[in-house]
Amino acid sequence: MLHKLVSAPISLVIKIGEKIKEEADKELYDLPTIQQKLIQLQMMYELEDISEEAYKTKEEELIMRYEIAKRMEMEQWEQMTKKK
């Protein structure tokens, strides 16, 4: 009984942490979000709101995230097709 009282808050914190990570990953690796950010970045650069250096740095980061997201998507599809 005492074990359950002590471990319940810990397991709740773990579940909350997992949910936060899941939501952060969803935002970080959401393909439409990344595409939208790339478009916004391009517009900011064309309107000269950001420097070329800042543009290239951010673009590189977004493209890297896009590639990871695409890889994750392909892995999910492969897992789904293997289950069938």
N, C-alpha and C. Protein backbone atom coordinates (compact mmCIF):
# COMPACT_ATOMS: atom_id res chain seq x y z
N MET A 1 0.83 -1.20 0.00
CA MET A 1 0.00 0.00 0.00
C MET A 1 0.87 1.26 0.00
N LEU A 2 1.86 1.28 0.87
CA LEU A 2 2.75 2.43 0.95
C LEU A 2 3.50 2.62 -0.38
N HIS A 3 3.88 1.51 -0.99
CA HIS A 3 4.57 1.55 -2.28
C HIS A 3 3.73 2.27 -3.33
N LYS A 4 2.43 1.98 -3.36
CA LYS A 4 1.53 2.62 -4.33
C LYS A 4 1.40 4.11 -4.07
N LEU A 5 1.37 4.50 -2.79
CA LEU A 5 1.27 5.92 -2.45
C LEU A 5 2.50 6.70 -2.88
N VAL A 6 3.64 6.06 -2.77
CA VAL A 6 4.89 6.73 -3.13
C VAL A 6 5.10 6.71 -4.64
N SER A 7 4.81 5.58 -5.28
CA SER A 7 5.09 5.47 -6.72
C SER A 7 4.04 6.16 -7.59
N ALA A 8 2.85 6.38 -7.07
CA ALA A 8 1.80 7.03 -7.87
C ALA A 8 2.22 8.42 -8.35
N PRO A 9 2.72 9.29 -7.44
CA PRO A 9 3.14 10.61 -7.93
C PRO A 9 4.29 10.53 -8.94
N ILE A 10 5.19 9.59 -8.74
CA ILE A 10 6.32 9.45 -9.66
C ILE A 10 5.82 9.01 -11.03
N SER A 11 4.93 8.03 -11.06
CA SER A 11 4.43 7.57 -12.35
C SER A 11 3.61 8.66 -13.05
N LEU A 12 2.93 9.48 -12.27
CA LEU A 12 2.18 10.59 -12.84
C LEU A 12 3.13 11.60 -13.47
N VAL A 13 4.21 11.91 -12.80
CA VAL A 13 5.21 12.84 -13.33
C VAL A 13 5.82 12.27 -14.61
N ILE A 14 6.09 10.97 -14.60
CA ILE A 14 6.65 10.33 -15.79
C ILE A 14 5.67 10.42 -16.96
N LYS A 15 4.39 10.15 -16.70
CA LYS A 15 3.38 10.22 -17.77
C LYS A 15 3.25 11.65 -18.31
N ILE A 16 3.29 12.62 -17.41
CA ILE A 16 3.21 14.03 -17.84
C ILE A 16 4.43 14.37 -18.69
N GLY A 17 5.60 13.94 -18.25
CA GLY A 17 6.82 14.18 -19.01
C GLY A 17 6.77 13.55 -20.39
N GLU A 18 6.26 12.32 -20.47
CA GLU A 18 6.13 11.65 -21.76
C GLU A 18 5.16 12.40 -22.68
N LYS A 19 4.07 12.89 -22.12
CA LYS A 19 3.08 13.63 -22.91
C LYS A 19 3.68 14.95 -23.42
N ILE A 20 4.44 15.63 -22.56
CA ILE A 20 5.09 16.88 -22.98
C ILE A 20 6.08 16.61 -24.11
N LYS A 21 6.87 15.54 -23.97
CA LYS A 21 7.82 15.19 -25.02
C LYS A 21 7.10 14.86 -26.32
N GLU A 22 6.01 14.12 -26.21
CA GLU A 22 5.23 13.75 -27.39
C GLU A 22 4.71 15.00 -28.11
N GLU A 23 4.18 15.95 -27.34
CA GLU A 23 3.65 17.19 -27.94
C GLU A 23 4.77 18.04 -28.53
N ALA A 24 5.90 18.10 -27.84
CA ALA A 24 7.04 18.87 -28.36
C ALA A 24 7.56 18.26 -29.65
N ASP A 25 7.68 16.92 -29.68
CA ASP A 25 8.12 16.25 -30.90
C ASP A 25 7.15 16.48 -32.04
N LYS A 26 5.85 16.46 -31.72
CA LYS A 26 4.84 16.68 -32.74
C LYS A 26 5.01 18.08 -33.34
N GLU A 27 5.26 19.07 -32.51
CA GLU A 27 5.45 20.43 -32.99
C GLU A 27 6.78 20.56 -33.75
N LEU A 28 7.80 19.94 -33.20
CA LEU A 28 9.13 20.05 -33.78
C LEU A 28 9.25 19.34 -35.12
N TYR A 29 8.54 18.22 -35.25
CA TYR A 29 8.67 17.40 -36.45
C TYR A 29 7.37 17.28 -37.25
N ASP A 30 6.51 18.25 -37.14
CA ASP A 30 5.27 18.28 -37.90
C ASP A 30 5.57 18.86 -39.29
N LEU A 31 5.39 18.04 -40.32
CA LEU A 31 5.77 18.46 -41.69
C LEU A 31 5.08 19.74 -42.15
N PRO A 32 3.75 19.87 -42.01
CA PRO A 32 3.11 21.13 -42.44
C PRO A 32 3.63 22.35 -41.67
N THR A 33 3.92 22.18 -40.40
CA THR A 33 4.45 23.29 -39.60
C THR A 33 5.83 23.71 -40.11
N ILE A 34 6.66 22.73 -40.39
CA ILE A 34 8.00 23.02 -40.89
C ILE A 34 7.91 23.71 -42.26
N GLN A 35 7.04 23.21 -43.12
CA GLN A 35 6.86 23.83 -44.44
C GLN A 35 6.41 25.28 -44.31
N GLN A 36 5.48 25.52 -43.41
CA GLN A 36 4.99 26.89 -43.19
C GLN A 36 6.11 27.79 -42.67
N LYS A 37 6.94 27.26 -41.79
CA LYS A 37 8.04 28.06 -41.25
C LYS A 37 9.08 28.36 -42.34
N LEU A 38 9.28 27.43 -43.25
CA LEU A 38 10.20 27.68 -44.36
C LEU A 38 9.66 28.79 -45.27
N ILE A 39 8.36 28.78 -45.52
CA ILE A 39 7.74 29.83 -46.34
C ILE A 39 7.87 31.19 -45.65
N GLN A 40 7.57 31.21 -44.36
CA GLN A 40 7.68 32.46 -43.61
C GLN A 40 9.12 32.97 -43.60
N LEU A 41 10.06 32.06 -43.45
CA LEU A 41 11.47 32.43 -43.44
C LEU A 41 11.86 33.04 -44.78
N GLN A 42 11.42 32.41 -45.86
CA GLN A 42 11.71 32.93 -47.21
C GLN A 42 11.13 34.33 -47.38
N MET A 43 9.92 34.52 -46.92
CA MET A 43 9.29 35.85 -47.03
C MET A 43 10.06 36.89 -46.22
N MET A 44 10.46 36.51 -45.02
CA MET A 44 11.23 37.45 -44.18
C MET A 44 12.54 37.85 -44.86
N TYR A 45 13.18 36.87 -45.50
CA TYR A 45 14.43 37.15 -46.19
C TYR A 45 14.20 38.07 -47.40
N GLU A 46 13.18 37.76 -48.16
CA GLU A 46 12.88 38.57 -49.35
C GLU A 46 12.48 40.00 -48.98
N LEU A 47 11.84 40.16 -47.83
CA LEU A 47 11.46 41.50 -47.36
C LEU A 47 12.59 42.18 -46.59
N GLU A 48 13.73 41.49 -46.54
CA GLU A 48 14.93 41.99 -45.86
C GLU A 48 14.71 42.23 -44.36
N ASP A 49 13.85 41.39 -43.76
CA ASP A 49 13.64 41.45 -42.31
C ASP A 49 14.74 40.73 -41.56
N ILE A 50 15.43 39.81 -42.25
CA ILE A 50 16.54 39.08 -41.64
C ILE A 50 17.72 39.07 -42.60
N SER A 51 18.90 38.89 -42.02
CA SER A 51 20.11 38.87 -42.84
C SER A 51 20.23 37.54 -43.57
N GLU A 52 21.10 37.53 -44.56
CA GLU A 52 21.32 36.29 -45.32
C GLU A 52 21.90 35.21 -44.41
N GLU A 53 22.78 35.61 -43.52
CA GLU A 53 23.39 34.64 -42.60
C GLU A 53 22.34 34.01 -41.68
N ALA A 54 21.46 34.84 -41.12
CA ALA A 54 20.39 34.33 -40.26
C ALA A 54 19.44 33.43 -41.05
N TYR A 55 19.18 33.83 -42.29
CA TYR A 55 18.30 33.05 -43.16
C TYR A 55 18.89 31.66 -43.41
N LYS A 56 20.16 31.62 -43.78
CA LYS A 56 20.80 30.35 -44.09
C LYS A 56 20.87 29.44 -42.87
N THR A 57 21.16 30.02 -41.72
CA THR A 57 21.23 29.23 -40.48
C THR A 57 19.88 28.61 -40.15
N LYS A 58 18.85 29.44 -40.19
CA LYS A 58 17.50 28.94 -39.85
C LYS A 58 16.99 27.97 -40.91
N GLU A 59 17.28 28.26 -42.17
CA GLU A 59 16.85 27.37 -43.24
C GLU A 59 17.49 25.99 -43.08
N GLU A 60 18.77 25.98 -42.76
CA GLU A 60 19.48 24.70 -42.56
C GLU A 60 18.84 23.90 -41.43
N GLU A 61 18.51 24.59 -40.33
CA GLU A 61 17.87 23.93 -39.19
C GLU A 61 16.51 23.35 -39.59
N LEU A 62 15.72 24.14 -40.30
CA LEU A 62 14.38 23.68 -40.71
C LEU A 62 14.46 22.51 -41.69
N ILE A 63 15.40 22.57 -42.61
CA ILE A 63 15.55 21.47 -43.57
C ILE A 63 15.99 20.20 -42.86
N MET A 64 16.86 20.33 -41.88
CA MET A 64 17.28 19.17 -41.10
C MET A 64 16.08 18.56 -40.36
N ARG A 65 15.27 19.42 -39.74
CA ARG A 65 14.07 18.94 -39.06
C ARG A 65 13.10 18.29 -40.04
N TYR A 66 12.98 18.86 -41.23
CA TYR A 66 12.10 18.30 -42.25
C TYR A 66 12.56 16.90 -42.65
N GLU A 67 13.86 16.75 -42.86
CA GLU A 67 14.40 15.45 -43.24
C GLU A 67 14.17 14.40 -42.14
N ILE A 68 14.35 14.80 -40.89
CA ILE A 68 14.10 13.89 -39.77
C ILE A 68 12.62 13.51 -39.73
N ALA A 69 11.77 14.50 -39.89
CA ALA A 69 10.32 14.26 -39.86
C ALA A 69 9.91 13.33 -40.99
N LYS A 70 10.47 13.52 -42.16
CA LYS A 70 10.15 12.67 -43.30
C LYS A 70 10.62 11.24 -43.04
N ARG A 71 11.81 11.10 -42.46
CA ARG A 71 12.32 9.77 -42.12
C ARG A 71 11.42 9.08 -41.10
N MET A 72 10.99 9.85 -40.09
CA MET A 72 10.09 9.30 -39.07
C MET A 72 8.78 8.85 -39.71
N GLU A 73 8.27 9.66 -40.62
CA GLU A 73 7.03 9.32 -41.31
C GLU A 73 7.18 8.02 -42.11
N MET A 74 8.29 7.88 -42.80
CA MET A 74 8.55 6.67 -43.59
C MET A 74 8.66 5.45 -42.67
N GLU A 75 9.31 5.60 -41.54
CA GLU A 75 9.43 4.49 -40.59
C GLU A 75 8.06 4.08 -40.06
N GLN A 76 7.21 5.05 -39.80
CA GLN A 76 5.86 4.74 -39.33
C GLN A 76 5.08 3.97 -40.40
N TRP A 77 5.22 4.39 -41.66
CA TRP A 77 4.54 3.69 -42.74
C TRP A 77 5.05 2.26 -42.88
N GLU A 78 6.35 2.10 -42.76
CA GLU A 78 6.94 0.76 -42.86
C GLU A 78 6.43 -0.14 -41.74
N GLN A 79 6.35 0.40 -40.52
CA GLN A 79 5.84 -0.37 -39.40
C GLN A 79 4.38 -0.76 -39.62
N MET A 80 3.60 0.18 -40.14
CA MET A 80 2.19 -0.09 -40.37
C MET A 80 1.99 -1.17 -41.44
N THR A 81 2.81 -1.14 -42.48
CA THR A 81 2.67 -2.12 -43.55
C THR A 81 3.17 -3.50 -43.13
N LYS A 82 4.13 -3.55 -42.22
CA LYS A 82 4.62 -4.83 -41.73
C LYS A 82 3.60 -5.52 -40.85
N LYS A 83 2.79 -4.76 -40.14
CA LYS A 83 1.79 -5.31 -39.24
C LYS A 83 0.67 -6.00 -40.00
N LYS A 84 0.42 -5.58 -41.22
CA LYS A 84 -0.70 -6.13 -42.01
C LYS A 84 -0.38 -7.45 -42.56
